[in-house]
Amino acid sequence: MSDCIFCKIANGEIPVNVVYEDDRILSFHDADPQAPVHVLIIPKKHIPTMDDVTEEDGELIAHIMLKVKDIAKELGLNNGYRLVNNCGEDGFQTVKHLHFHLLGKRRMTWPPG
């Protein structure tokens, strides 16, 4: 999608502080961190929301989930972390491109707000 900021980031059109990248996903530091460590993990394929994931995307989603622990380890999140996906308007999804927030290096509270 030509107007999607995360697609532009994935295509290298907008520079970010990259944590991890391969041919299917990109992880980078959040511009407005909500924890001492706050990175986003996005698929390079444009998928608007979690509700738009198809069976065809199953391998991609599994790949993201399997990389989370590696990214967390690389960032020194040895005492735990939180992985969040906001879906849709009520879920407060502000960018309509599937993404996961990986937060850590502080004790998380519940409910998150």
PDB file of N, CA and C in Angstrom:
ATOM      1  N   MET A   1       0.846  -1.187   0.000  1.00  0.00           N
ATOM      2  CA  MET A   1       0.000   0.000   0.000  1.00  0.00           C
ATOM      3  C   MET A   1       0.884   1.240   0.000  1.00  0.00           C
ATOM      4  N   SER A   2       0.647   2.114  -0.927  1.00  0.00           N
ATOM      5  CA  SER A   2       1.523   3.265  -1.116  1.00  0.00           C
ATOM      6  C   SER A   2       1.455   4.284   0.017  1.00  0.00           C
ATOM      7  N   ASP A   3       0.350   4.350   0.757  1.00  0.00           N
ATOM      8  CA  ASP A   3       0.232   5.334   1.823  1.00  0.00           C
ATOM      9  C   ASP A   3       0.464   4.745   3.219  1.00  0.00           C
ATOM     10  N   CYS A   4       0.854   3.499   3.312  1.00  0.00           N
ATOM     11  CA  CYS A   4       1.053   2.833   4.604  1.00  0.00           C
ATOM     12  C   CYS A   4       2.463   3.117   5.113  1.00  0.00           C
ATOM     13  N   ILE A   5       2.554   3.742   6.279  1.00  0.00           N
ATOM     14  CA  ILE A   5       3.861   4.094   6.834  1.00  0.00           C
ATOM     15  C   ILE A   5       4.720   2.863   7.109  1.00  0.00           C
ATOM     16  N   PHE A   6       4.103   1.753   7.561  1.00  0.00           N
ATOM     17  CA  PHE A   6       4.895   0.559   7.834  1.00  0.00           C
ATOM     18  C   PHE A   6       5.368  -0.104   6.546  1.00  0.00           C
ATOM     19  N   CYS A   7       4.592  -0.014   5.479  1.00  0.00           N
ATOM     20  CA  CYS A   7       5.064  -0.514   4.184  1.00  0.00           C
ATOM     21  C   CYS A   7       6.259   0.314   3.720  1.00  0.00           C
ATOM     22  N   LYS A   8       6.191   1.622   3.907  1.00  0.00           N
ATOM     23  CA  LYS A   8       7.306   2.496   3.529  1.00  0.00           C
ATOM     24  C   LYS A   8       8.548   2.169   4.350  1.00  0.00           C
ATOM     25  N   ILE A   9       8.368   1.892   5.626  1.00  0.00           N
ATOM     26  CA  ILE A   9       9.489   1.498   6.479  1.00  0.00           C
ATOM     27  C   ILE A   9      10.055   0.163   6.000  1.00  0.00           C
ATOM     28  N   ALA A  10       9.187  -0.806   5.744  1.00  0.00           N
ATOM     29  CA  ALA A  10       9.629  -2.131   5.291  1.00  0.00           C
ATOM     30  C   ALA A  10      10.366  -2.056   3.956  1.00  0.00           C
ATOM     31  N   ASN A  11       9.993  -1.108   3.106  1.00  0.00           N
ATOM     32  CA  ASN A  11      10.638  -0.934   1.804  1.00  0.00           C
ATOM     33  C   ASN A  11      11.888  -0.065   1.868  1.00  0.00           C
ATOM     34  N   GLY A  12      12.241   0.417   3.065  1.00  0.00           N
ATOM     35  CA  GLY A  12      13.434   1.238   3.226  1.00  0.00           C
ATOM     36  C   GLY A  12      13.256   2.692   2.837  1.00  0.00           C
ATOM     37  N   GLU A  13      12.008   3.123   2.636  1.00  0.00           N
ATOM     38  CA  GLU A  13      11.745   4.510   2.250  1.00  0.00           C
ATOM     39  C   GLU A  13      11.812   5.460   3.438  1.00  0.00           C
ATOM     40  N   ILE A  14      11.591   4.942   4.632  1.00  0.00           N
ATOM     41  CA  ILE A  14      11.659   5.733   5.861  1.00  0.00           C
ATOM     42  C   ILE A  14      12.667   5.051   6.770  1.00  0.00           C
ATOM     43  N   PRO A  15      13.711   5.765   7.200  1.00  0.00           N
ATOM     44  CA  PRO A  15      14.724   5.136   8.052  1.00  0.00           C
ATOM     45  C   PRO A  15      14.212   4.899   9.470  1.00  0.00           C
ATOM     46  N   VAL A  16      14.618   3.766  10.025  1.00  0.00           N
ATOM     47  CA  VAL A  16      14.289   3.420  11.407  1.00  0.00           C
ATOM     48  C   VAL A  16      15.523   2.772  12.033  1.00  0.00           C
ATOM     49  N   ASN A  17      15.482   2.642  13.349  1.00  0.00           N
ATOM     50  CA  ASN A  17      16.550   1.983  14.091  1.00  0.00           C
ATOM     51  C   ASN A  17      16.228   0.486  14.129  1.00  0.00           C
ATOM     52  N   VAL A  18      16.783  -0.259  13.193  1.00  0.00           N
ATOM     53  CA  VAL A  18      16.456  -1.672  13.004  1.00  0.00           C
ATOM     54  C   VAL A  18      17.070  -2.529  14.107  1.00  0.00           C
ATOM     55  N   VAL A  19      16.260  -3.454  14.618  1.00  0.00           N
ATOM     56  CA  VAL A  19      16.700  -4.435  15.601  1.00  0.00           C
ATOM     57  C   VAL A  19      16.949  -5.776  14.915  1.00  0.00           C
ATOM     58  N   TYR A  20      16.036  -6.152  14.026  1.00  0.00           N
ATOM     59  CA  TYR A  20      16.130  -7.430  13.319  1.00  0.00           C
ATOM     60  C   TYR A  20      15.432  -7.284  11.965  1.00  0.00           C
ATOM     61  N   GLU A  21      16.002  -7.950  10.950  1.00  0.00           N
ATOM     62  CA  GLU A  21      15.355  -7.958   9.640  1.00  0.00           C
ATOM     63  C   GLU A  21      15.725  -9.237   8.907  1.00  0.00           C
ATOM     64  N   ASP A  22      14.735  -9.791   8.229  1.00  0.00           N
ATOM     65  CA  ASP A  22      14.974 -10.877   7.284  1.00  0.00           C
ATOM     66  C   ASP A  22      14.069 -10.632   6.086  1.00  0.00           C
ATOM     67  N   ASP A  23      13.908 -11.614   5.230  1.00  0.00           N
ATOM     68  CA  ASP A  23      13.126 -11.404   4.009  1.00  0.00           C
ATOM     69  C   ASP A  23      11.629 -11.265   4.253  1.00  0.00           C
ATOM     70  N   ARG A  24      11.139 -11.625   5.460  1.00  0.00           N
ATOM     71  CA  ARG A  24       9.692 -11.595   5.732  1.00  0.00           C
ATOM     72  C   ARG A  24       9.252 -10.600   6.790  1.00  0.00           C
ATOM     73  N   ILE A  25      10.165 -10.252   7.712  1.00  0.00           N
ATOM     74  CA  ILE A  25       9.758  -9.375   8.820  1.00  0.00           C
ATOM     75  C   ILE A  25      10.824  -8.324   9.104  1.00  0.00           C
ATOM     76  N   LEU A  26      10.399  -7.307   9.837  1.00  0.00           N
ATOM     77  CA  LEU A  26      11.287  -6.233  10.260  1.00  0.00           C
ATOM     78  C   LEU A  26      10.924  -5.870  11.691  1.00  0.00           C
ATOM     79  N   SER A  27      11.940  -5.662  12.513  1.00  0.00           N
ATOM     80  CA  SER A  27      11.732  -5.200  13.883  1.00  0.00           C
ATOM     81  C   SER A  27      12.560  -3.942  14.078  1.00  0.00           C
ATOM     82  N   PHE A  28      11.944  -2.935  14.694  1.00  0.00           N
ATOM     83  CA  PHE A  28      12.631  -1.655  14.881  1.00  0.00           C
ATOM     84  C   PHE A  28      12.116  -0.975  16.143  1.00  0.00           C
ATOM     85  N   HIS A  29      12.913  -0.043  16.660  1.00  0.00           N
ATOM     86  CA  HIS A  29      12.543   0.673  17.879  1.00  0.00           C
ATOM     87  C   HIS A  29      11.346   1.582  17.618  1.00  0.00           C
ATOM     88  N   ASP A  30      10.406   1.591  18.560  1.00  0.00           N
ATOM     89  CA  ASP A  30       9.217   2.434  18.464  1.00  0.00           C
ATOM     90  C   ASP A  30       9.616   3.906  18.624  1.00  0.00           C
ATOM     91  N   ALA A  31       9.010   4.778  17.831  1.00  0.00           N
ATOM     92  CA  ALA A  31       9.297   6.210  17.890  1.00  0.00           C
ATOM     93  C   ALA A  31       8.766   6.866  19.161  1.00  0.00           C
ATOM     94  N   ASP A  32       7.789   6.239  19.820  1.00  0.00           N
ATOM     95  CA  ASP A  32       7.197   6.768  21.048  1.00  0.00           C
ATOM     96  C   ASP A  32       7.175   5.651  22.094  1.00  0.00           C
ATOM     97  N   PRO A  33       8.347   5.289  22.624  1.00  0.00           N
ATOM     98  CA  PRO A  33       8.423   4.120  23.506  1.00  0.00           C
ATOM     99  C   PRO A  33       7.603   4.262  24.783  1.00  0.00           C
ATOM    100  N   GLN A  34       6.958   3.155  25.155  1.00  0.00           N
ATOM    101  CA  GLN A  34       6.140   3.101  26.361  1.00  0.00           C
ATOM    102  C   GLN A  34       6.815   2.269  27.454  1.00  0.00           C
ATOM    103  N   ALA A  35       8.052   1.866  27.213  1.00  0.00           N
ATOM    104  CA  ALA A  35       8.854   1.106  28.166  1.00  0.00           C
ATOM    105  C   ALA A  35      10.313   1.347  27.801  1.00  0.00           C
ATOM    106  N   PRO A  36      11.243   1.035  28.710  1.00  0.00           N
ATOM    107  CA  PRO A  36      12.657   1.219  28.370  1.00  0.00           C
ATOM    108  C   PRO A  36      13.068   0.493  27.087  1.00  0.00           C
ATOM    109  N   VAL A  37      12.492  -0.670  26.840  1.00  0.00           N
ATOM    110  CA  VAL A  37      12.654  -1.347  25.556  1.00  0.00           C
ATOM    111  C   VAL A  37      11.267  -1.456  24.938  1.00  0.00           C
ATOM    112  N   HIS A  38      11.110  -0.910  23.743  1.00  0.00           N
ATOM    113  CA  HIS A  38       9.829  -0.958  23.034  1.00  0.00           C
ATOM    114  C   HIS A  38      10.148  -1.017  21.543  1.00  0.00           C
ATOM    115  N   VAL A  39       9.979  -2.206  20.977  1.00  0.00           N
ATOM    116  CA  VAL A  39      10.202  -2.373  19.546  1.00  0.00           C
ATOM    117  C   VAL A  39       8.925  -2.872  18.891  1.00  0.00           C
ATOM    118  N   LEU A  40       8.825  -2.617  17.611  1.00  0.00           N
ATOM    119  CA  LEU A  40       7.718  -3.115  16.805  1.00  0.00           C
ATOM    120  C   LEU A  40       8.241  -4.240  15.932  1.00  0.00           C
ATOM    121  N   ILE A  41       7.393  -5.217  15.690  1.00  0.00           N
ATOM    122  CA  ILE A  41       7.705  -6.312  14.785  1.00  0.00           C
ATOM    123  C   ILE A  41       6.594  -6.332  13.740  1.00  0.00           C
ATOM    124  N   ILE A  42       6.979  -6.169  12.471  1.00  0.00           N
ATOM    125  CA  ILE A  42       5.987  -6.097  11.403  1.00  0.00           C
ATOM    126  C   ILE A  42       6.311  -7.113  10.308  1.00  0.00           C
ATOM    127  N   PRO A  43       5.277  -7.653   9.669  1.00  0.00           N
ATOM    128  CA  PRO A  43       5.532  -8.422   8.453  1.00  0.00           C
ATOM    129  C   PRO A  43       5.795  -7.438   7.321  1.00  0.00           C
ATOM    130  N   LYS A  44       6.648  -7.798   6.386  1.00  0.00           N
ATOM    131  CA  LYS A  44       6.875  -6.936   5.228  1.00  0.00           C
ATOM    132  C   LYS A  44       5.668  -6.970   4.295  1.00  0.00           C
ATOM    133  N   LYS A  45       4.920  -8.047   4.337  1.00  0.00           N
ATOM    134  CA  LYS A  45       3.673  -8.143   3.572  1.00  0.00           C
ATOM    135  C   LYS A  45       2.628  -7.269   4.255  1.00  0.00           C
ATOM    136  N   HIS A  46       1.905  -6.500   3.472  1.00  0.00           N
ATOM    137  CA  HIS A  46       0.849  -5.664   4.058  1.00  0.00           C
ATOM    138  C   HIS A  46      -0.361  -6.527   4.418  1.00  0.00           C
ATOM    139  N   ILE A  47      -0.633  -6.592   5.705  1.00  0.00           N
ATOM    140  CA  ILE A  47      -1.842  -7.217   6.246  1.00  0.00           C
ATOM    141  C   ILE A  47      -2.429  -6.160   7.170  1.00  0.00           C
ATOM    142  N   PRO A  48      -3.627  -5.647   6.899  1.00  0.00           N
ATOM    143  CA  PRO A  48      -4.151  -4.525   7.682  1.00  0.00           C
ATOM    144  C   PRO A  48      -4.303  -4.792   9.190  1.00  0.00           C
ATOM    145  N   THR A  49      -4.931  -5.902   9.563  1.00  0.00           N
ATOM    146  CA  THR A  49      -5.182  -6.187  10.973  1.00  0.00           C
ATOM    147  C   THR A  49      -5.075  -7.684  11.218  1.00  0.00           C
ATOM    148  N   MET A  50      -5.107  -8.068  12.475  1.00  0.00           N
ATOM    149  CA  MET A  50      -5.110  -9.486  12.813  1.00  0.00           C
ATOM    150  C   MET A  50      -6.338 -10.169  12.219  1.00  0.00           C
ATOM    151  N   ASP A  51      -7.435  -9.447  12.099  1.00  0.00           N
ATOM    152  CA  ASP A  51      -8.656 -10.001  11.505  1.00  0.00           C
ATOM    153  C   ASP A  51      -8.496 -10.316  10.019  1.00  0.00           C
ATOM    154  N   ASP A  52      -7.468  -9.759   9.387  1.00  0.00           N
ATOM    155  CA  ASP A  52      -7.236  -9.982   7.964  1.00  0.00           C
ATOM    156  C   ASP A  52      -6.242 -11.109   7.685  1.00  0.00           C
ATOM    157  N   VAL A  53      -5.703 -11.717   8.736  1.00  0.00           N
ATOM    158  CA  VAL A  53      -4.774 -12.834   8.559  1.00  0.00           C
ATOM    159  C   VAL A  53      -5.547 -14.020   7.987  1.00  0.00           C
ATOM    160  N   THR A  54      -4.972 -14.650   6.962  1.00  0.00           N
ATOM    161  CA  THR A  54      -5.595 -15.815   6.335  1.00  0.00           C
ATOM    162  C   THR A  54      -4.762 -17.060   6.620  1.00  0.00           C
ATOM    163  N   GLU A  55      -5.313 -18.205   6.264  1.00  0.00           N
ATOM    164  CA  GLU A  55      -4.548 -19.445   6.414  1.00  0.00           C
ATOM    165  C   GLU A  55      -3.252 -19.374   5.617  1.00  0.00           C
ATOM    166  N   GLU A  56      -3.282 -18.692   4.502  1.00  0.00           N
ATOM    167  CA  GLU A  56      -2.080 -18.502   3.685  1.00  0.00           C
ATOM    168  C   GLU A  56      -0.976 -17.771   4.467  1.00  0.00           C
ATOM    169  N   ASP A  57      -1.366 -16.948   5.435  1.00  0.00           N
ATOM    170  CA  ASP A  57      -0.420 -16.185   6.240  1.00  0.00           C
ATOM    171  C   ASP A  57       0.086 -16.954   7.463  1.00  0.00           C
ATOM    172  N   GLY A  58      -0.406 -18.176   7.653  1.00  0.00           N
ATOM    173  CA  GLY A  58      -0.067 -18.943   8.849  1.00  0.00           C
ATOM    174  C   GLY A  58       1.426 -19.110   9.072  1.00  0.00           C
ATOM    175  N   GLU A  59       2.165 -19.417   8.018  1.00  0.00           N
ATOM    176  CA  GLU A  59       3.611 -19.608   8.151  1.00  0.00           C
ATOM    177  C   GLU A  59       4.310 -18.294   8.525  1.00  0.00           C
ATOM    178  N   LEU A  60       3.840 -17.196   7.961  1.00  0.00           N
ATOM    179  CA  LEU A  60       4.396 -15.882   8.283  1.00  0.00           C
ATOM    180  C   LEU A  60       4.161 -15.534   9.752  1.00  0.00           C
ATOM    181  N   ILE A  61       2.943 -15.756  10.230  1.00  0.00           N
ATOM    182  CA  ILE A  61       2.622 -15.457  11.628  1.00  0.00           C
ATOM    183  C   ILE A  61       3.444 -16.353  12.556  1.00  0.00           C
ATOM    184  N   ALA A  62       3.585 -17.621  12.209  1.00  0.00           N
ATOM    185  CA  ALA A  62       4.414 -18.523  13.013  1.00  0.00           C
ATOM    186  C   ALA A  62       5.861 -18.036  13.025  1.00  0.00           C
ATOM    187  N   HIS A  63       6.345 -17.575  11.900  1.00  0.00           N
ATOM    188  CA  HIS A  63       7.714 -17.059  11.814  1.00  0.00           C
ATOM    189  C   HIS A  63       7.895 -15.866  12.763  1.00  0.00           C
ATOM    190  N   ILE A  64       6.930 -14.954  12.761  1.00  0.00           N
ATOM    191  CA  ILE A  64       7.003 -13.806  13.672  1.00  0.00           C
ATOM    192  C   ILE A  64       7.059 -14.285  15.117  1.00  0.00           C
ATOM    193  N   MET A  65       6.152 -15.186  15.482  1.00  0.00           N
ATOM    194  CA  MET A  65       6.098 -15.658  16.870  1.00  0.00           C
ATOM    195  C   MET A  65       7.392 -16.372  17.275  1.00  0.00           C
ATOM    196  N   LEU A  66       7.983 -17.121  16.355  1.00  0.00           N
ATOM    197  CA  LEU A  66       9.225 -17.820  16.663  1.00  0.00           C
ATOM    198  C   LEU A  66      10.408 -16.857  16.789  1.00  0.00           C
ATOM    199  N   LYS A  67      10.368 -15.733  16.104  1.00  0.00           N
ATOM    200  CA  LYS A  67      11.447 -14.745  16.179  1.00  0.00           C
ATOM    201  C   LYS A  67      11.346 -13.856  17.411  1.00  0.00           C
ATOM    202  N   VAL A  68      10.167 -13.763  18.014  1.00  0.00           N
ATOM    203  CA  VAL A  68       9.989 -12.902  19.189  1.00  0.00           C
ATOM    204  C   VAL A  68      11.009 -13.238  20.263  1.00  0.00           C
ATOM    205  N   LYS A  69      11.159 -14.512  20.578  1.00  0.00           N
ATOM    206  CA  LYS A  69      12.084 -14.890  21.654  1.00  0.00           C
ATOM    207  C   LYS A  69      13.526 -14.543  21.308  1.00  0.00           C
ATOM    208  N   ASP A  70      13.904 -14.653  20.040  1.00  0.00           N
ATOM    209  CA  ASP A  70      15.259 -14.294  19.616  1.00  0.00           C
ATOM    210  C   ASP A  70      15.488 -12.787  19.732  1.00  0.00           C
ATOM    211  N   ILE A  71      14.507 -12.004  19.311  1.00  0.00           N
ATOM    212  CA  ILE A  71      14.600 -10.544  19.407  1.00  0.00           C
ATOM    213  C   ILE A  71      14.655 -10.134  20.870  1.00  0.00           C
ATOM    214  N   ALA A  72      13.804 -10.737  21.704  1.00  0.00           N
ATOM    215  CA  ALA A  72      13.797 -10.424  23.139  1.00  0.00           C
ATOM    216  C   ALA A  72      15.158 -10.737  23.758  1.00  0.00           C
ATOM    217  N   LYS A  73      15.728 -11.857  23.398  1.00  0.00           N
ATOM    218  CA  LYS A  73      17.037 -12.236  23.932  1.00  0.00           C
ATOM    219  C   LYS A  73      18.101 -11.241  23.486  1.00  0.00           C
ATOM    220  N   GLU A  74      18.077 -10.860  22.222  1.00  0.00           N
ATOM    221  CA  GLU A  74      19.034  -9.891  21.683  1.00  0.00           C
ATOM    222  C   GLU A  74      18.950  -8.552  22.422  1.00  0.00           C
ATOM    223  N   LEU A  75      17.744  -8.193  22.859  1.00  0.00           N
ATOM    224  CA  LEU A  75      17.528  -6.926  23.563  1.00  0.00           C
ATOM    225  C   LEU A  75      17.748  -7.042  25.069  1.00  0.00           C
ATOM    226  N   GLY A  76      18.130  -8.220  25.538  1.00  0.00           N
ATOM    227  CA  GLY A  76      18.418  -8.410  26.964  1.00  0.00           C
ATOM    228  C   GLY A  76      17.185  -8.500  27.838  1.00  0.00           C
ATOM    229  N   LEU A  77      16.068  -8.945  27.280  1.00  0.00           N
ATOM    230  CA  LEU A  77      14.825  -9.055  28.044  1.00  0.00           C
ATOM    231  C   LEU A  77      14.783 -10.414  28.746  1.00  0.00           C
ATOM    232  N   ASN A  78      15.741 -10.622  29.634  1.00  0.00           N
ATOM    233  CA  ASN A  78      15.928 -11.906  30.307  1.00  0.00           C
ATOM    234  C   ASN A  78      14.945 -12.151  31.444  1.00  0.00           C
ATOM    235  N   ASN A  79      14.284 -11.101  31.909  1.00  0.00           N
ATOM    236  CA  ASN A  79      13.364 -11.231  33.035  1.00  0.00           C
ATOM    237  C   ASN A  79      11.902 -11.163  32.602  1.00  0.00           C
ATOM    238  N   GLY A  80      11.666 -11.314  31.305  1.00  0.00           N
ATOM    239  CA  GLY A  80      10.297 -11.293  30.789  1.00  0.00           C
ATOM    240  C   GLY A  80      10.031 -10.080  29.924  1.00  0.00           C
ATOM    241  N   TYR A  81       8.889 -10.110  29.278  1.00  0.00           N
ATOM    242  CA  TYR A  81       8.485  -9.037  28.370  1.00  0.00           C
ATOM    243  C   TYR A  81       6.995  -9.170  28.092  1.00  0.00           C
ATOM    244  N   ARG A  82       6.459  -8.170  27.432  1.00  0.00           N
ATOM    245  CA  ARG A  82       5.061  -8.206  26.997  1.00  0.00           C
ATOM    246  C   ARG A  82       5.028  -8.079  25.479  1.00  0.00           C
ATOM    247  N   LEU A  83       4.194  -8.898  24.844  1.00  0.00           N
ATOM    248  CA  LEU A  83       3.972  -8.838  23.402  1.00  0.00           C
ATOM    249  C   LEU A  83       2.511  -8.460  23.195  1.00  0.00           C
ATOM    250  N   VAL A  84       2.272  -7.380  22.442  1.00  0.00           N
ATOM    251  CA  VAL A  84       0.924  -6.828  22.284  1.00  0.00           C
ATOM    252  C   VAL A  84       0.596  -6.652  20.807  1.00  0.00           C
ATOM    253  N   ASN A  85      -0.636  -7.008  20.446  1.00  0.00           N
ATOM    254  CA  ASN A  85      -1.180  -6.693  19.134  1.00  0.00           C
ATOM    255  C   ASN A  85      -2.487  -5.963  19.347  1.00  0.00           C
ATOM    256  N   ASN A  86      -2.588  -4.747  18.825  1.00  0.00           N
ATOM    257  CA  ASN A  86      -3.829  -3.982  18.878  1.00  0.00           C
ATOM    258  C   ASN A  86      -4.567  -4.226  17.569  1.00  0.00           C
ATOM    259  N   CYS A  87      -5.846  -4.569  17.650  1.00  0.00           N
ATOM    260  CA  CYS A  87      -6.616  -4.899  16.460  1.00  0.00           C
ATOM    261  C   CYS A  87      -7.872  -4.045  16.387  1.00  0.00           C
ATOM    262  N   GLY A  88      -7.958  -3.248  15.328  1.00  0.00           N
ATOM    263  CA  GLY A  88      -9.153  -2.452  15.076  1.00  0.00           C
ATOM    264  C   GLY A  88      -9.260  -1.222  15.952  1.00  0.00           C
ATOM    265  N   GLU A  89     -10.325  -0.502  15.722  1.00  0.00           N
ATOM    266  CA  GLU A  89     -10.553   0.770  16.405  1.00  0.00           C
ATOM    267  C   GLU A  89     -10.652   0.620  17.918  1.00  0.00           C
ATOM    268  N   ASP A  90     -11.488  -0.305  18.392  1.00  0.00           N
ATOM    269  CA  ASP A  90     -11.630  -0.493  19.835  1.00  0.00           C
ATOM    270  C   ASP A  90     -10.364  -1.047  20.477  1.00  0.00           C
ATOM    271  N   GLY A  91      -9.538  -1.729  19.691  1.00  0.00           N
ATOM    272  CA  GLY A  91      -8.263  -2.234  20.189  1.00  0.00           C
ATOM    273  C   GLY A  91      -7.158  -1.191  20.127  1.00  0.00           C
ATOM    274  N   PHE A  92      -7.492   0.015  19.682  1.00  0.00           N
ATOM    275  CA  PHE A  92      -6.580   1.156  19.570  1.00  0.00           C
ATOM    276  C   PHE A  92      -5.445   0.898  18.585  1.00  0.00           C
ATOM    277  N   GLN A  93      -5.771   0.269  17.457  1.00  0.00           N
ATOM    278  CA  GLN A  93      -4.789   0.087  16.389  1.00  0.00           C
ATOM    279  C   GLN A  93      -4.698   1.390  15.612  1.00  0.00           C
ATOM    280  N   THR A  94      -3.561   2.048  15.684  1.00  0.00           N
ATOM    281  CA  THR A  94      -3.414   3.358  15.046  1.00  0.00           C
ATOM    282  C   THR A  94      -2.803   3.276  13.650  1.00  0.00           C
ATOM    283  N   VAL A  95      -2.064   2.205  13.352  1.00  0.00           N
ATOM    284  CA  VAL A  95      -1.509   1.999  12.014  1.00  0.00           C
ATOM    285  C   VAL A  95      -2.141   0.729  11.462  1.00  0.00           C
ATOM    286  N   LYS A  96      -2.785   0.863  10.337  1.00  0.00           N
ATOM    287  CA  LYS A  96      -3.514  -0.276   9.740  1.00  0.00           C
ATOM    288  C   LYS A  96      -2.567  -1.185   8.944  1.00  0.00           C
ATOM    289  N   HIS A  97      -1.589  -1.718   9.656  1.00  0.00           N
ATOM    290  CA  HIS A  97      -0.639  -2.706   9.139  1.00  0.00           C
ATOM    291  C   HIS A  97      -0.320  -3.573  10.341  1.00  0.00           C
ATOM    292  N   LEU A  98      -0.562  -4.853  10.238  1.00  0.00           N
ATOM    293  CA  LEU A  98      -0.346  -5.764  11.353  1.00  0.00           C
ATOM    294  C   LEU A  98       1.022  -5.522  11.987  1.00  0.00           C
ATOM    295  N   HIS A  99       1.040  -5.382  13.304  1.00  0.00           N
ATOM    296  CA  HIS A  99       2.295  -5.206  14.011  1.00  0.00           C
ATOM    297  C   HIS A  99       2.139  -5.649  15.454  1.00  0.00           C
ATOM    298  N   PHE A 100       3.270  -5.981  16.030  1.00  0.00           N
ATOM    299  CA  PHE A 100       3.324  -6.434  17.417  1.00  0.00           C
ATOM    300  C   PHE A 100       4.290  -5.534  18.173  1.00  0.00           C
ATOM    301  N   HIS A 101       3.882  -5.135  19.372  1.00  0.00           N
ATOM    302  CA  HIS A 101       4.734  -4.344  20.255  1.00  0.00           C
ATOM    303  C   HIS A 101       5.427  -5.313  21.213  1.00  0.00           C
ATOM    304  N   LEU A 102       6.729  -5.228  21.298  1.00  0.00           N
ATOM    305  CA  LEU A 102       7.512  -6.002  22.256  1.00  0.00           C
ATOM    306  C   LEU A 102       8.070  -5.000  23.261  1.00  0.00           C
ATOM    307  N   LEU A 103       7.613  -5.137  24.517  1.00  0.00           N
ATOM    308  CA  LEU A 103       7.985  -4.187  25.562  1.00  0.00           C
ATOM    309  C   LEU A 103       8.675  -4.903  26.713  1.00  0.00           C
ATOM    310  N   GLY A 104       9.662  -4.233  27.301  1.00  0.00           N
ATOM    311  CA  GLY A 104      10.348  -4.847  28.425  1.00  0.00           C
ATOM    312  C   GLY A 104      11.264  -3.900  29.151  1.00  0.00           C
ATOM    313  N   LYS A 105      12.014  -4.469  30.081  1.00  0.00           N
ATOM    314  CA  LYS A 105      12.957  -3.770  30.965  1.00  0.00           C
ATOM    315  C   LYS A 105      12.240  -2.930  32.012  1.00  0.00           C
ATOM    316  N   ARG A 106      10.998  -3.266  32.272  1.00  0.00           N
ATOM    317  CA  ARG A 106      10.272  -2.707  33.426  1.00  0.00           C
ATOM    318  C   ARG A 106       9.165  -3.680  33.774  1.00  0.00           C
ATOM    319  N   ARG A 107       8.698  -3.607  34.992  1.00  0.00           N
ATOM    320  CA  ARG A 107       7.595  -4.473  35.439  1.00  0.00           C
ATOM    321  C   ARG A 107       6.302  -3.950  34.829  1.00  0.00           C
ATOM    322  N   MET A 108       5.596  -4.794  34.144  1.00  0.00           N
ATOM    323  CA  MET A 108       4.335  -4.412  33.506  1.00  0.00           C
ATOM    324  C   MET A 108       3.197  -4.477  34.522  1.00  0.00           C
ATOM    325  N   THR A 109       2.179  -3.672  34.311  1.00  0.00           N
ATOM    326  CA  THR A 109       1.015  -3.684  35.193  1.00  0.00           C
ATOM    327  C   THR A 109      -0.161  -4.304  34.462  1.00  0.00           C
ATOM    328  N   TRP A 110      -1.185  -4.667  35.220  1.00  0.00           N
ATOM    329  CA  TRP A 110      -2.410  -5.223  34.635  1.00  0.00           C
ATOM    330  C   TRP A 110      -3.598  -4.680  35.388  1.00  0.00           C
ATOM    331  N   PRO A 111      -4.660  -4.242  34.744  1.00  0.00           N
ATOM    332  CA  PRO A 111      -4.781  -4.197  33.284  1.00  0.00           C
ATOM    333  C   PRO A 111      -3.901  -3.108  32.712  1.00  0.00           C
ATOM    334  N   PRO A 112      -3.548  -3.251  31.415  1.00  0.00           N
ATOM    335  CA  PRO A 112      -2.623  -2.308  30.803  1.00  0.00           C
ATOM    336  C   PRO A 112      -3.220  -0.926  30.560  1.00  0.00           C
ATOM    337  N   GLY A 113      -4.539  -0.788  30.619  1.00  0.00           N
ATOM    338  CA  GLY A 113      -5.137   0.534  30.452  1.00  0.00           C
ATOM    339  C   GLY A 113      -6.067   0.630  29.302  1.00  0.00           C
TER     340      GLY A 113
END
